[in-house]
Amino acid sequence: MQYFPTALQELADQFARLPGIGGKTAQRLAFHVLELPLEDAKSFADAIIAAKQSVHTCPVCQNLTDREVCPICDDDMRDKTIICVVADPKDVIAMERSREFNGVYHVLHGVISPLNHVTQDDIRIKELLLRVASGEVKEVIMATNPDTEGEATAMYISRLLRPMEVKVTRLAYGVPVGSQLEYADEVTLSRALEGRQEM
């Protein structure tokens, strides 16, 4: 027995396809959209279409942009000799929020994950190698997540970069500010010790 009109069910099904959205949340979102004034619903739909049509990857760093080249790559004040390698575009936003990094980025659009059938050919490693081969890059910072896939990807890329005589570093991971040592796991404490700095 069908409880909802077909169009409403199809809308909920589309929301359910989004990552992190379950069936009940998808239904709530669909009902919310139905309650919007027609103009707001059209604006919502237009924003989705506009984003799909105008946002693409930067030909230099592979980050998302609506320009020919993204604003970071286009900024002459950024240090182009240091590349920070991240897995996803949202990682660039996280790094930029720190206001500590003045280099440029390279977005892989994923990490190597054999269980999810993602290989090195499925992510943007070739583009990174071409950038480094140009000769102006002095350091590549691997800033993938400190999980199994992130570590494997960082190790794989660092092995590829080694013959290019470029310095390859890894972000130091450790105990988060405000937490207590007794709750930290062994890997976190090990990373904290490896990344310790002189005071």
Foldseek 3Di string as FASTA:
>chain_A
DDDDPPVLVVQLVVVCVDPPAHSVNSSVVSVVLVPDDPVVNVVVVVVVVCCVVQWFAALQAGAIDSDVHHPLVVDPQAAAQEEEEEAHNVVVVVVVVVVPHRHYYHYFVHFDDVVVPRHSVNTPLVSVVVSLLVPSHAEYEQEYDPDPRSVVRLVVSCVVCVVSNHHYHYDQAADDPPDDPVPDDPVRHVSCVVPDDDD
